[in-house]
């Protein structure tokens, strides 16, 4: 099993470059990783899942760039 770091909301927002409202909106929409509840009023995000989300955005961008180049 690999080690994974738990990120606070502030750390998650900084890494994902999104604000608190956008973060929770995307979680609710199911397009951002779900937080891990660590207590009754505290959530954390798995670093690996946040990084995978960012990688998914990069792949989407690269695929769109490729599609545009092929159409030109």
N, C-alpha and C. Protein backbone atom coordinates (compact mmCIF):
# COMPACT_ATOMS: atom_id res chain seq x y z
N UNK A 1 0.84 -1.18 0.00
CA UNK A 1 0.00 0.00 0.00
C UNK A 1 0.89 1.24 0.00
N UNK A 2 0.55 2.20 -0.86
CA UNK A 2 1.33 3.42 -0.91
C UNK A 2 0.80 4.43 0.08
N UNK A 3 1.68 5.30 0.53
CA UNK A 3 1.27 6.35 1.45
C UNK A 3 0.55 7.44 0.70
N UNK A 4 -0.45 8.03 1.33
CA UNK A 4 -1.19 9.13 0.72
C UNK A 4 -1.38 10.20 1.77
N UNK A 5 -1.23 11.41 1.39
CA UNK A 5 -1.36 12.53 2.31
C UNK A 5 -2.78 13.07 2.29
N UNK A 6 -3.28 13.46 3.46
CA UNK A 6 -4.59 14.09 3.56
C UNK A 6 -4.41 15.60 3.50
N UNK A 7 -5.17 16.24 2.63
CA UNK A 7 -5.08 17.69 2.44
C UNK A 7 -6.24 18.40 3.14
N UNK A 8 -5.93 19.54 3.74
CA UNK A 8 -6.98 20.38 4.31
C UNK A 8 -7.74 21.04 3.17
N UNK A 9 -8.85 21.68 3.50
CA UNK A 9 -9.61 22.41 2.49
C UNK A 9 -8.75 23.50 1.87
N UNK A 10 -8.02 24.24 2.69
CA UNK A 10 -7.17 25.31 2.16
C UNK A 10 -6.09 24.76 1.23
N UNK A 11 -5.46 23.66 1.61
CA UNK A 11 -4.44 23.06 0.75
C UNK A 11 -5.05 22.56 -0.56
N UNK A 12 -6.23 21.96 -0.47
CA UNK A 12 -6.91 21.46 -1.65
C UNK A 12 -7.26 22.61 -2.59
N UNK A 13 -7.79 23.70 -2.03
CA UNK A 13 -8.12 24.86 -2.84
C UNK A 13 -6.88 25.43 -3.52
N UNK A 14 -5.76 25.49 -2.80
CA UNK A 14 -4.53 26.02 -3.38
C UNK A 14 -4.00 25.13 -4.50
N UNK A 15 -3.99 23.83 -4.29
CA UNK A 15 -3.48 22.90 -5.31
C UNK A 15 -4.37 22.92 -6.54
N UNK A 16 -5.69 22.94 -6.34
CA UNK A 16 -6.63 22.91 -7.46
C UNK A 16 -6.87 24.29 -8.06
N UNK A 17 -6.37 25.33 -7.41
CA UNK A 17 -6.55 26.72 -7.87
C UNK A 17 -8.02 27.09 -8.01
N UNK A 18 -8.81 26.70 -7.03
CA UNK A 18 -10.23 27.04 -7.00
C UNK A 18 -10.60 27.53 -5.62
N UNK A 19 -11.67 28.30 -5.55
CA UNK A 19 -12.15 28.82 -4.28
C UNK A 19 -13.04 27.82 -3.56
N UNK A 20 -13.39 28.15 -2.33
CA UNK A 20 -14.18 27.27 -1.49
C UNK A 20 -15.54 26.95 -2.11
N UNK A 21 -16.24 27.96 -2.59
CA UNK A 21 -17.56 27.73 -3.18
C UNK A 21 -17.48 26.83 -4.40
N UNK A 22 -16.51 27.08 -5.26
CA UNK A 22 -16.32 26.25 -6.45
C UNK A 22 -15.95 24.82 -6.07
N UNK A 23 -15.10 24.68 -5.07
CA UNK A 23 -14.70 23.36 -4.60
C UNK A 23 -15.92 22.54 -4.21
N UNK A 24 -16.76 23.10 -3.34
CA UNK A 24 -17.92 22.35 -2.86
C UNK A 24 -18.96 22.15 -3.96
N UNK A 25 -19.08 23.12 -4.87
CA UNK A 25 -19.99 22.95 -6.01
C UNK A 25 -19.56 21.77 -6.86
N UNK A 26 -18.26 21.68 -7.15
CA UNK A 26 -17.75 20.58 -7.99
C UNK A 26 -17.85 19.24 -7.28
N UNK A 27 -17.66 19.23 -5.96
CA UNK A 27 -17.85 17.99 -5.19
C UNK A 27 -19.30 17.55 -5.32
N UNK A 28 -20.23 18.49 -5.12
CA UNK A 28 -21.66 18.17 -5.19
C UNK A 28 -22.06 17.67 -6.58
N UNK A 29 -21.47 18.25 -7.63
CA UNK A 29 -21.75 17.84 -9.00
C UNK A 29 -21.09 16.51 -9.36
N UNK A 30 -20.18 16.05 -8.52
CA UNK A 30 -19.49 14.79 -8.78
C UNK A 30 -18.32 14.90 -9.74
N UNK A 31 -17.84 16.11 -9.97
CA UNK A 31 -16.71 16.29 -10.88
C UNK A 31 -15.40 16.55 -10.16
N UNK A 32 -15.43 16.55 -8.84
CA UNK A 32 -14.23 16.70 -8.02
C UNK A 32 -14.26 15.59 -6.98
N UNK A 33 -13.10 15.09 -6.57
CA UNK A 33 -13.08 13.99 -5.60
C UNK A 33 -13.85 14.31 -4.32
N UNK A 34 -14.49 13.30 -3.78
CA UNK A 34 -15.21 13.43 -2.51
C UNK A 34 -14.21 13.53 -1.37
N UNK A 35 -14.51 14.36 -0.38
CA UNK A 35 -13.62 14.45 0.78
C UNK A 35 -13.75 13.22 1.67
N UNK A 36 -12.74 13.04 2.51
CA UNK A 36 -12.74 11.97 3.50
C UNK A 36 -13.09 12.62 4.84
N UNK A 37 -14.19 12.22 5.46
CA UNK A 37 -14.51 12.81 6.76
C UNK A 37 -13.56 12.27 7.83
N UNK A 38 -12.91 13.18 8.55
CA UNK A 38 -11.99 12.76 9.61
C UNK A 38 -12.55 13.02 11.00
N UNK A 39 -13.62 13.81 11.06
CA UNK A 39 -14.36 14.02 12.30
C UNK A 39 -15.73 14.55 11.91
N UNK A 40 -16.55 14.85 12.90
CA UNK A 40 -17.92 15.30 12.61
C UNK A 40 -17.95 16.65 11.88
N UNK A 41 -16.90 17.44 11.99
CA UNK A 41 -16.91 18.74 11.31
C UNK A 41 -15.60 19.02 10.56
N UNK A 42 -14.93 17.97 10.14
CA UNK A 42 -13.67 18.14 9.44
C UNK A 42 -13.53 17.14 8.29
N UNK A 43 -13.17 17.67 7.13
CA UNK A 43 -12.96 16.84 5.94
C UNK A 43 -11.55 17.02 5.43
N UNK A 44 -11.05 16.02 4.75
CA UNK A 44 -9.75 16.09 4.09
C UNK A 44 -9.88 15.43 2.72
N UNK A 45 -8.98 15.80 1.83
CA UNK A 45 -8.94 15.20 0.50
C UNK A 45 -7.66 14.41 0.35
N UNK A 46 -7.76 13.30 -0.35
CA UNK A 46 -6.57 12.51 -0.64
C UNK A 46 -5.75 13.21 -1.72
N UNK A 47 -4.49 13.44 -1.44
CA UNK A 47 -3.60 14.12 -2.37
C UNK A 47 -3.61 13.43 -3.73
N UNK A 48 -3.55 12.10 -3.72
CA UNK A 48 -3.51 11.35 -4.98
C UNK A 48 -4.76 11.57 -5.82
N UNK A 49 -5.92 11.69 -5.18
CA UNK A 49 -7.16 11.91 -5.93
C UNK A 49 -7.22 13.31 -6.51
N UNK A 50 -6.75 14.29 -5.77
CA UNK A 50 -6.72 15.66 -6.28
C UNK A 50 -5.76 15.75 -7.46
N UNK A 51 -4.60 15.11 -7.34
CA UNK A 51 -3.63 15.13 -8.43
C UNK A 51 -4.16 14.37 -9.65
N UNK A 52 -4.91 13.30 -9.44
CA UNK A 52 -5.51 12.56 -10.56
C UNK A 52 -6.55 13.44 -11.26
N UNK A 53 -7.30 14.23 -10.50
CA UNK A 53 -8.28 15.15 -11.08
C UNK A 53 -7.57 16.16 -11.97
N UNK A 54 -6.46 16.71 -11.48
CA UNK A 54 -5.69 17.68 -12.26
C UNK A 54 -5.14 17.02 -13.52
N UNK A 55 -4.64 15.81 -13.40
CA UNK A 55 -4.13 15.07 -14.56
C UNK A 55 -5.24 14.83 -15.59
N UNK A 56 -6.45 14.56 -15.10
CA UNK A 56 -7.59 14.38 -16.00
C UNK A 56 -7.89 15.65 -16.78
N UNK A 57 -7.76 16.80 -16.13
CA UNK A 57 -7.96 18.08 -16.83
C UNK A 57 -6.90 18.28 -17.91
N UNK A 58 -5.66 17.90 -17.58
CA UNK A 58 -4.58 18.03 -18.55
C UNK A 58 -4.83 17.14 -19.76
N UNK A 59 -5.26 15.92 -19.51
CA UNK A 59 -5.54 14.99 -20.61
C UNK A 59 -6.69 15.50 -21.47
N UNK A 60 -7.71 16.06 -20.83
CA UNK A 60 -8.83 16.63 -21.58
C UNK A 60 -8.35 17.77 -22.46
N UNK A 61 -7.53 18.65 -21.89
CA UNK A 61 -6.99 19.77 -22.66
C UNK A 61 -6.17 19.26 -23.84
N UNK A 62 -5.30 18.28 -23.58
CA UNK A 62 -4.44 17.76 -24.65
C UNK A 62 -5.25 17.09 -25.74
N UNK A 63 -6.32 16.41 -25.36
CA UNK A 63 -7.17 15.75 -26.34
C UNK A 63 -7.92 16.78 -27.18
N UNK A 64 -8.35 17.87 -26.55
CA UNK A 64 -9.04 18.93 -27.29
C UNK A 64 -8.08 19.64 -28.24
N UNK A 65 -6.82 19.86 -27.76
CA UNK A 65 -5.82 20.47 -28.63
C UNK A 65 -5.56 19.59 -29.86
N UNK A 66 -5.49 18.28 -29.65
CA UNK A 66 -5.24 17.34 -30.74
C UNK A 66 -6.40 17.36 -31.73
N UNK A 67 -7.63 17.39 -31.21
CA UNK A 67 -8.82 17.43 -32.07
C UNK A 67 -8.83 18.69 -32.92
N UNK A 68 -8.47 19.83 -32.31
CA UNK A 68 -8.44 21.10 -33.05
C UNK A 68 -7.36 21.06 -34.14
N UNK A 69 -6.21 20.48 -33.83
CA UNK A 69 -5.12 20.41 -34.81
C UNK A 69 -5.52 19.52 -35.99
N UNK A 70 -6.21 18.42 -35.72
CA UNK A 70 -6.63 17.52 -36.77
C UNK A 70 -7.71 18.15 -37.65
N UNK A 71 -8.53 19.03 -37.06
CA UNK A 71 -9.61 19.66 -37.82
C UNK A 71 -9.08 20.79 -38.72
N UNK A 72 -7.89 21.31 -38.39
CA UNK A 72 -7.35 22.44 -39.15
C UNK A 72 -6.77 22.02 -40.48
